[in-house]
Amino acid sequence: MTRRDAAYLLALNALVSVALFAIGAHWAFGPQKTAFAVLDVAELYRAKEARAAAVLVNHNATETERTTAVTGAGTFATELTALIETLPEECRCLVLARGAVVSAIAPLPDLTPDVRRRLGL
């Protein structure tokens, strides 16, 4: 066997090994299904609105508390938007608005309680 034949044999062996590895990896891990989760944005806004309203209608609340409630309500949309943008990376899923889901065969995970906790609602 010449060096040229050995080089061809080595290259062919490497090619077959890579092909078998790729086939095995595709078979074992295959294409992943897209995961879905839901988020009830309206519920989050209602909860924030209820908290702000409770402070504003409270006769014992100080002006500082009322100002903080109004300011917090104003920045809530920015905080919620920033948090919603990070959710797909964290859960490795497609996040759908609860109102957009008409029906589902299997129940979808609900991220609303986690987001509510993270926003302090």
C-alpha atoms as a PDB file:
ATOM      1  CA  MET A   1       0.000   0.000   0.000  1.00  0.00           C
ATOM      2  CA  THR A   2       1.405   3.360  -1.007  1.00  0.00           C
ATOM      3  CA  ARG A   3       1.211   6.577   0.920  1.00  0.00           C
ATOM      4  CA  ARG A   4      -1.329   7.855  -1.547  1.00  0.00           C
ATOM      5  CA  ASP A   5      -3.605   4.850  -0.928  1.00  0.00           C
ATOM      6  CA  ALA A   6      -3.227   5.288   2.828  1.00  0.00           C
ATOM      7  CA  ALA A   7      -4.160   8.962   2.556  1.00  0.00           C
ATOM      8  CA  TYR A   8      -7.273   8.106   0.527  1.00  0.00           C
ATOM      9  CA  LEU A   9      -8.233   5.420   3.009  1.00  0.00           C
ATOM     10  CA  LEU A  10      -7.723   7.807   5.931  1.00  0.00           C
ATOM     11  CA  ALA A  11      -9.810  10.541   4.253  1.00  0.00           C
ATOM     12  CA  LEU A  12     -12.589   8.071   3.401  1.00  0.00           C
ATOM     13  CA  ASN A  13     -12.602   6.761   6.976  1.00  0.00           C
ATOM     14  CA  ALA A  14     -12.829  10.308   8.346  1.00  0.00           C
ATOM     15  CA  LEU A  15     -15.682  11.157   5.956  1.00  0.00           C
ATOM     16  CA  VAL A  16     -17.665   8.034   6.894  1.00  0.00           C
ATOM     17  CA  SER A  17     -17.091   8.713  10.612  1.00  0.00           C
ATOM     18  CA  VAL A  18     -18.333  12.304  10.334  1.00  0.00           C
ATOM     19  CA  ALA A  19     -21.380  11.199   8.327  1.00  0.00           C
ATOM     20  CA  LEU A  20     -22.272   8.498  10.859  1.00  0.00           C
ATOM     21  CA  PHE A  21     -21.815  10.937  13.730  1.00  0.00           C
ATOM     22  CA  ALA A  22     -24.089  13.500  12.030  1.00  0.00           C
ATOM     23  CA  ILE A  23     -26.764  10.881  11.354  1.00  0.00           C
ATOM     24  CA  GLY A  24     -26.584   9.656  14.931  1.00  0.00           C
ATOM     25  CA  ALA A  25     -26.808  13.159  16.359  1.00  0.00           C
ATOM     26  CA  HIS A  26     -29.785  13.980  14.146  1.00  0.00           C
ATOM     27  CA  TRP A  27     -31.516  10.768  15.179  1.00  0.00           C
ATOM     28  CA  ALA A  28     -30.823  11.250  18.892  1.00  0.00           C
ATOM     29  CA  PHE A  29     -31.592  14.940  19.177  1.00  0.00           C
ATOM     30  CA  GLY A  30     -33.733  15.484  16.095  1.00  0.00           C
ATOM     31  CA  PRO A  31     -35.576  18.679  15.322  1.00  0.00           C
ATOM     32  CA  GLN A  32     -37.005  20.091  18.534  1.00  0.00           C
ATOM     33  CA  LYS A  33     -40.674  20.988  18.740  1.00  0.00           C
ATOM     34  CA  THR A  34     -41.429  24.608  19.324  1.00  0.00           C
ATOM     35  CA  ALA A  35     -42.627  25.117  22.876  1.00  0.00           C
ATOM     36  CA  PHE A  36     -45.360  27.586  23.706  1.00  0.00           C
ATOM     37  CA  ALA A  37     -46.343  29.450  26.863  1.00  0.00           C
ATOM     38  CA  VAL A  38     -48.983  32.075  27.587  1.00  0.00           C
ATOM     39  CA  LEU A  39     -48.902  35.386  29.414  1.00  0.00           C
ATOM     40  CA  ASP A  40     -51.987  37.318  30.532  1.00  0.00           C
ATOM     41  CA  VAL A  41     -50.831  40.902  30.007  1.00  0.00           C
ATOM     42  CA  ALA A  42     -54.277  42.316  30.753  1.00  0.00           C
ATOM     43  CA  GLU A  43     -54.262  40.664  34.180  1.00  0.00           C
ATOM     44  CA  LEU A  44     -50.894  42.241  34.944  1.00  0.00           C
ATOM     45  CA  TYR A  45     -52.172  45.693  33.985  1.00  0.00           C
ATOM     46  CA  ARG A  46     -55.337  45.180  36.074  1.00  0.00           C
ATOM     47  CA  ALA A  47     -53.246  44.162  39.092  1.00  0.00           C
ATOM     48  CA  LYS A  48     -51.003  47.228  38.772  1.00  0.00           C
ATOM     49  CA  GLU A  49     -54.017  49.472  38.277  1.00  0.00           C
ATOM     50  CA  ALA A  50     -55.704  48.015  41.362  1.00  0.00           C
ATOM     51  CA  ARG A  51     -52.596  48.614  43.478  1.00  0.00           C
ATOM     52  CA  ALA A  52     -52.272  52.202  42.316  1.00  0.00           C
ATOM     53  CA  ALA A  53     -55.989  52.856  42.787  1.00  0.00           C
ATOM     54  CA  ALA A  54     -55.900  51.414  46.314  1.00  0.00           C
ATOM     55  CA  VAL A  55     -53.186  53.897  47.276  1.00  0.00           C
ATOM     56  CA  LEU A  56     -54.880  56.839  45.546  1.00  0.00           C
ATOM     57  CA  VAL A  57     -58.284  56.309  47.195  1.00  0.00           C
ATOM     58  CA  ASN A  58     -56.807  55.612  50.629  1.00  0.00           C
ATOM     59  CA  HIS A  59     -57.530  58.667  52.793  1.00  0.00           C
ATOM     60  CA  ASN A  60     -54.578  57.857  55.068  1.00  0.00           C
ATOM     61  CA  ALA A  61     -52.045  57.757  52.218  1.00  0.00           C
ATOM     62  CA  THR A  62     -49.416  60.485  52.194  1.00  0.00           C
ATOM     63  CA  GLU A  63     -48.600  62.610  49.165  1.00  0.00           C
ATOM     64  CA  THR A  64     -45.316  60.745  48.808  1.00  0.00           C
ATOM     65  CA  GLU A  65     -47.149  57.406  48.612  1.00  0.00           C
ATOM     66  CA  ARG A  66     -49.597  58.820  46.067  1.00  0.00           C
ATOM     67  CA  THR A  67     -46.789  60.277  43.952  1.00  0.00           C
ATOM     68  CA  THR A  68     -44.920  56.970  44.112  1.00  0.00           C
ATOM     69  CA  ALA A  69     -48.060  55.102  43.010  1.00  0.00           C
ATOM     70  CA  VAL A  70     -48.619  57.404  40.037  1.00  0.00           C
ATOM     71  CA  THR A  71     -44.947  57.296  39.025  1.00  0.00           C
ATOM     72  CA  GLY A  72     -44.891  53.503  39.370  1.00  0.00           C
ATOM     73  CA  ALA A  73     -47.961  53.222  37.164  1.00  0.00           C
ATOM     74  CA  GLY A  74     -46.252  55.392  34.562  1.00  0.00           C
ATOM     75  CA  THR A  75     -43.101  53.288  34.413  1.00  0.00           C
ATOM     76  CA  PHE A  76     -44.944  49.967  34.603  1.00  0.00           C
ATOM     77  CA  ALA A  77     -45.296  49.610  30.826  1.00  0.00           C
ATOM     78  CA  THR A  78     -41.542  50.038  30.343  1.00  0.00           C
ATOM     79  CA  GLU A  79     -40.729  47.491  33.047  1.00  0.00           C
ATOM     80  CA  LEU A  80     -43.244  44.998  31.679  1.00  0.00           C
ATOM     81  CA  THR A  81     -41.990  45.401  28.108  1.00  0.00           C
ATOM     82  CA  ALA A  82     -38.397  44.818  29.180  1.00  0.00           C
ATOM     83  CA  LEU A  83     -39.412  41.706  31.101  1.00  0.00           C
ATOM     84  CA  ILE A  84     -41.530  40.338  28.249  1.00  0.00           C
ATOM     85  CA  GLU A  85     -38.588  40.704  25.860  1.00  0.00           C
ATOM     86  CA  THR A  86     -36.450  38.425  28.063  1.00  0.00           C
ATOM     87  CA  LEU A  87     -39.080  35.701  28.556  1.00  0.00           C
ATOM     88  CA  PRO A  88     -38.563  33.745  25.297  1.00  0.00           C
ATOM     89  CA  GLU A  89     -34.842  33.337  25.994  1.00  0.00           C
ATOM     90  CA  GLU A  90     -35.451  32.270  29.588  1.00  0.00           C
ATOM     91  CA  CYS A  91     -38.157  29.692  28.883  1.00  0.00           C
ATOM     92  CA  ARG A  92     -36.856  28.716  25.433  1.00  0.00           C
ATOM     93  CA  CYS A  93     -40.399  29.031  24.145  1.00  0.00           C
ATOM     94  CA  LEU A  94     -42.684  31.219  22.100  1.00  0.00           C
ATOM     95  CA  VAL A  95     -44.703  33.443  24.443  1.00  0.00           C
ATOM     96  CA  LEU A  96     -48.282  34.097  23.348  1.00  0.00           C
ATOM     97  CA  ALA A  97     -50.752  36.578  24.782  1.00  0.00           C
ATOM     98  CA  ARG A  98     -53.484  34.657  26.603  1.00  0.00           C
ATOM     99  CA  GLY A  99     -56.145  36.501  24.606  1.00  0.00           C
ATOM    100  CA  ALA A 100     -54.590  35.267  21.356  1.00  0.00           C
ATOM    101  CA  VAL A 101     -55.004  31.602  22.279  1.00  0.00           C
ATOM    102  CA  VAL A 102     -58.490  30.497  21.318  1.00  0.00           C
ATOM    103  CA  SER A 103     -58.050  26.868  22.265  1.00  0.00           C
ATOM    104  CA  ALA A 104     -55.250  24.446  22.843  1.00  0.00           C
ATOM    105  CA  ILE A 105     -55.162  20.681  22.698  1.00  0.00           C
ATOM    106  CA  ALA A 106     -52.867  20.516  25.697  1.00  0.00           C
ATOM    107  CA  PRO A 107     -52.774  23.134  28.442  1.00  0.00           C
ATOM    108  CA  LEU A 108     -49.996  25.638  27.850  1.00  0.00           C
ATOM    109  CA  PRO A 109     -47.699  26.743  30.670  1.00  0.00           C
ATOM    110  CA  ASP A 110     -48.797  30.076  32.134  1.00  0.00           C
ATOM    111  CA  LEU A 111     -45.973  32.535  32.831  1.00  0.00           C
ATOM    112  CA  THR A 112     -48.307  35.123  34.410  1.00  0.00           C
ATOM    113  CA  PRO A 113     -47.731  34.120  38.073  1.00  0.00           C
ATOM    114  CA  ASP A 114     -43.949  34.232  37.627  1.00  0.00           C
ATOM    115  CA  VAL A 115     -44.051  37.623  35.893  1.00  0.00           C
ATOM    116  CA  ARG A 116     -46.463  38.914  38.549  1.00  0.00           C
ATOM    117  CA  ARG A 117     -44.020  37.867  41.268  1.00  0.00           C
ATOM    118  CA  ARG A 118     -41.063  39.435  39.446  1.00  0.00           C
ATOM    119  CA  LEU A 119     -42.926  42.731  39.083  1.00  0.00           C
ATOM    120  CA  GLY A 120     -43.920  42.680  42.745  1.00  0.00           C
ATOM    121  CA  LEU A 121     -47.666  42.526  42.116  1.00  0.00           C
END
